[in-house]
C-alpha atoms as a PDB file:
ATOM      1  CA  MET A   1       0.000   0.000   0.000  1.00  0.00           C
ATOM      2  CA  GLU A   2       1.314   3.430  -0.915  1.00  0.00           C
ATOM      3  CA  ALA A   3       1.364   6.041   1.807  1.00  0.00           C
ATOM      4  CA  THR A   4      -0.337   9.315   1.039  1.00  0.00           C
ATOM      5  CA  GLY A   5      -0.216  12.690   2.705  1.00  0.00           C
ATOM      6  CA  PRO A   6       2.602  14.307   4.639  1.00  0.00           C
ATOM      7  CA  MET A   7       5.151  12.114   6.382  1.00  0.00           C
ATOM      8  CA  THR A   8       4.532  11.828  10.081  1.00  0.00           C
ATOM      9  CA  ASP A   9       7.139  12.175  12.812  1.00  0.00           C
ATOM     10  CA  GLU A  10       6.706   8.445  13.447  1.00  0.00           C
ATOM     11  CA  GLU A  11       7.461   7.593   9.811  1.00  0.00           C
ATOM     12  CA  LEU A  12      10.530   9.804   9.817  1.00  0.00           C
ATOM     13  CA  ALA A  13      11.689   8.214  13.071  1.00  0.00           C
ATOM     14  CA  GLU A  14      11.241   4.747  11.529  1.00  0.00           C
ATOM     15  CA  ILE A  15      13.407   5.747   8.572  1.00  0.00           C
ATOM     16  CA  GLU A  16      16.065   7.156  10.907  1.00  0.00           C
ATOM     17  CA  GLU A  17      16.038   3.903  12.894  1.00  0.00           C
ATOM     18  CA  LEU A  18      16.518   1.930   9.683  1.00  0.00           C
ATOM     19  CA  VAL A  19      19.474   4.102   8.691  1.00  0.00           C
ATOM     20  CA  ASP A  20      21.017   3.971  12.166  1.00  0.00           C
ATOM     21  CA  ALA A  21      20.830   0.168  12.146  1.00  0.00           C
ATOM     22  CA  THR A  22      22.845  -0.158   8.917  1.00  0.00           C
ATOM     23  CA  THR A  23      26.596  -0.500   8.514  1.00  0.00           C
ATOM     24  CA  PRO A  24      28.139   2.963   8.850  1.00  0.00           C
ATOM     25  CA  GLY A  25      28.865   4.793   5.602  1.00  0.00           C
ATOM     26  CA  PRO A  26      30.048   5.953   3.280  1.00  0.00           C
ATOM     27  CA  TRP A  27      29.309   3.107   0.916  1.00  0.00           C
ATOM     28  CA  TYR A  28      30.852   2.633  -2.526  1.00  0.00           C
ATOM     29  CA  VAL A  29      30.140   0.609  -5.650  1.00  0.00           C
ATOM     30  CA  ARG A  30      32.779  -2.116  -5.968  1.00  0.00           C
ATOM     31  CA  ASN A  31      33.534  -4.032  -9.158  1.00  0.00           C
ATOM     32  CA  LEU A  32      35.244  -7.257  -8.125  1.00  0.00           C
ATOM     33  CA  ASP A  33      36.009 -10.542  -9.821  1.00  0.00           C
ATOM     34  CA  ASP A  34      36.790 -14.127  -8.956  1.00  0.00           C
ATOM     35  CA  GLU A  35      36.161 -17.592 -10.330  1.00  0.00           C
ATOM     36  CA  TYR A  36      32.912 -17.885  -8.376  1.00  0.00           C
ATOM     37  CA  ALA A  37      31.324 -14.446  -8.440  1.00  0.00           C
ATOM     38  CA  MET A  38      32.465 -13.499 -11.958  1.00  0.00           C
ATOM     39  CA  CYS A  39      32.330  -9.730 -12.366  1.00  0.00           C
ATOM     40  CA  LEU A  40      30.798  -9.174  -8.933  1.00  0.00           C
ATOM     41  CA  VAL A  41      29.041  -5.811  -8.658  1.00  0.00           C
ATOM     42  CA  ALA A  42      28.737  -4.986  -4.989  1.00  0.00           C
ATOM     43  CA  VAL A  43      28.310  -2.199  -2.490  1.00  0.00           C
ATOM     44  CA  GLY A  44      31.056  -1.991   0.089  1.00  0.00           C
ATOM     45  CA  THR A  45      32.563   0.151   2.787  1.00  0.00           C
ATOM     46  CA  THR A  46      35.800   0.782   0.892  1.00  0.00           C
ATOM     47  CA  PRO A  47      36.231   2.568  -2.441  1.00  0.00           C
ATOM     48  CA  ASP A  48      36.660   0.666  -5.684  1.00  0.00           C
ATOM     49  CA  THR A  49      40.287   0.408  -6.773  1.00  0.00           C
ATOM     50  CA  GLY A  50      39.537  -0.143 -10.457  1.00  0.00           C
ATOM     51  CA  ARG A  51      41.561  -3.378 -10.368  1.00  0.00           C
ATOM     52  CA  GLY A  52      38.618  -5.835 -10.193  1.00  0.00           C
ATOM     53  CA  GLU A  53      40.259  -7.720  -7.344  1.00  0.00           C
ATOM     54  CA  ARG A  54      39.738 -11.436  -6.953  1.00  0.00           C
ATOM     55  CA  ARG A  55      39.278 -13.217  -3.653  1.00  0.00           C
ATOM     56  CA  PRO A  56      41.219 -13.246  -1.362  1.00  0.00           C
ATOM     57  CA  GLU A  57      42.519  -9.813  -2.465  1.00  0.00           C
ATOM     58  CA  PHE A  58      39.307  -8.164  -1.263  1.00  0.00           C
ATOM     59  CA  ASP A  59      37.819  -8.559   2.194  1.00  0.00           C
ATOM     60  CA  HIS A  60      34.336 -10.067   1.969  1.00  0.00           C
ATOM     61  CA  GLY A  61      33.604  -8.376   5.307  1.00  0.00           C
ATOM     62  CA  GLU A  62      33.637  -5.013   3.509  1.00  0.00           C
ATOM     63  CA  ILE A  63      30.728  -6.006   1.231  1.00  0.00           C
ATOM     64  CA  VAL A  64      27.320  -4.641   2.245  1.00  0.00           C
ATOM     65  CA  ALA A  65      25.276  -5.870  -0.736  1.00  0.00           C
ATOM     66  CA  GLY A  66      25.733  -7.549  -4.090  1.00  0.00           C
ATOM     67  CA  THR A  67      23.763  -6.732  -7.211  1.00  0.00           C
ATOM     68  CA  LEU A  68      25.476  -9.184  -9.595  1.00  0.00           C
ATOM     69  CA  ILE A  69      26.942 -12.588  -8.781  1.00  0.00           C
ATOM     70  CA  GLN A  70      27.047 -14.628 -11.967  1.00  0.00           C
ATOM     71  CA  GLN A  71      28.603 -18.000 -11.178  1.00  0.00           C
ATOM     72  CA  PRO A  72      26.375 -19.607 -10.220  1.00  0.00           C
ATOM     73  CA  ARG A  73      23.624 -17.125 -10.939  1.00  0.00           C
ATOM     74  CA  TYR A  74      22.911 -16.141  -7.338  1.00  0.00           C
ATOM     75  CA  VAL A  75      22.251 -12.455  -7.917  1.00  0.00           C
ATOM     76  CA  ASP A  76      21.437 -11.324 -11.454  1.00  0.00           C
ATOM     77  CA  VAL A  77      18.407  -9.065 -11.816  1.00  0.00           C
ATOM     78  CA  ALA A  78      16.402  -9.746 -14.984  1.00  0.00           C
ATOM     79  CA  ASP A  79      16.550  -6.171 -16.304  1.00  0.00           C
ATOM     80  CA  GLY A  80      20.368  -6.027 -16.154  1.00  0.00           C
ATOM     81  CA  ARG A  81      20.458  -2.907 -14.003  1.00  0.00           C
ATOM     82  CA  TRP A  82      22.987  -4.240 -11.482  1.00  0.00           C
ATOM     83  CA  ASP A  83      25.280  -1.209 -11.868  1.00  0.00           C
ATOM     84  CA  GLU A  84      22.391   1.226 -11.431  1.00  0.00           C
ATOM     85  CA  ASN A  85      21.019  -0.720  -8.456  1.00  0.00           C
ATOM     86  CA  ALA A  86      24.425  -0.806  -6.765  1.00  0.00           C
ATOM     87  CA  ARG A  87      24.827   2.935  -7.234  1.00  0.00           C
ATOM     88  CA  PHE A  88      21.352   3.560  -5.779  1.00  0.00           C
ATOM     89  CA  ILE A  89      22.069   1.423  -2.712  1.00  0.00           C
ATOM     90  CA  ALA A  90      25.433   3.096  -2.130  1.00  0.00           C
ATOM     91  CA  GLU A  91      24.070   6.611  -2.574  1.00  0.00           C
ATOM     92  CA  ALA A  92      20.970   5.916  -0.446  1.00  0.00           C
ATOM     93  CA  ARG A  93      23.236   5.444   2.596  1.00  0.00           C
ATOM     94  CA  ARG A  94      24.344   9.058   2.163  1.00  0.00           C
ATOM     95  CA  HIS A  95      21.165  10.690   0.867  1.00  0.00           C
ATOM     96  CA  VAL A  96      18.411   9.158   3.001  1.00  0.00           C
ATOM     97  CA  PRO A  97      19.600  10.792   6.262  1.00  0.00           C
ATOM     98  CA  ARG A  98      19.878  14.121   4.440  1.00  0.00           C
ATOM     99  CA  LEU A  99      16.383  13.751   2.989  1.00  0.00           C
ATOM    100  CA  VAL A 100      14.911  13.000   6.417  1.00  0.00           C
ATOM    101  CA  ALA A 101      16.663  16.072   7.837  1.00  0.00           C
ATOM    102  CA  GLU A 102      15.355  18.193   4.954  1.00  0.00           C
ATOM    103  CA  VAL A 103      11.773  16.966   5.447  1.00  0.00           C
ATOM    104  CA  ARG A 104      12.025  17.814   9.150  1.00  0.00           C
ATOM    105  CA  ARG A 105      13.447  21.265   8.318  1.00  0.00           C
ATOM    106  CA  LEU A 106      10.684  21.999   5.822  1.00  0.00           C
ATOM    107  CA  GLN A 107       8.022  20.781   8.243  1.00  0.00           C
ATOM    108  CA  ARG A 108       9.394  23.173  10.895  1.00  0.00           C
ATOM    109  CA  LEU A 109       9.330  26.080   8.426  1.00  0.00           C
ATOM    110  CA  LEU A 110       5.770  25.240   7.437  1.00  0.00           C
ATOM    111  CA  ALA A 111       4.684  25.036  11.091  1.00  0.00           C
ATOM    112  CA  GLU A 112       6.344  28.414  11.785  1.00  0.00           C
ATOM    113  CA  ALA A 113       4.650  29.979   8.746  1.00  0.00           C
ATOM    114  CA  ARG A 114       1.267  28.644   9.862  1.00  0.00           C
ATOM    115  CA  HIS A 115       1.872  29.981  13.359  1.00  0.00           C
ATOM    116  CA  ASP A 116       2.899  33.402  12.006  1.00  0.00           C
ATOM    117  CA  HIS A 117      -0.126  33.473   9.709  1.00  0.00           C
ATOM    118  CA  ALA A 118      -2.453  32.543  12.592  1.00  0.00           C
ATOM    119  CA  GLU A 119      -1.174  35.528  14.570  1.00  0.00           C
ATOM    120  CA  ILE A 120      -2.081  37.953  11.803  1.00  0.00           C
END
């Protein structure tokens, strides 16, 4: 079900709790490779080196999510948007907290404007 209307304080708090529970950022898109994952597209806590490291040259503990694991086909979205999905996941870690803060800021401004207007 799609939510309608303004976001409530409870909804914003839920989003903040979700963010706070995740692995600390920043997150980065990683392009890795090995005989099992084959061109692994992942989101990790360390920047991509551009070298397409193979295991054990990369630490699997740095990987937050994978959007393409080809051998065997564990993770391989049908529309082929693994790069775009990885970028979205990585950027969401940075942008979602900012968006929540901006919604709260705008809600405060709106409440102040309504208060000021009510006094007139």
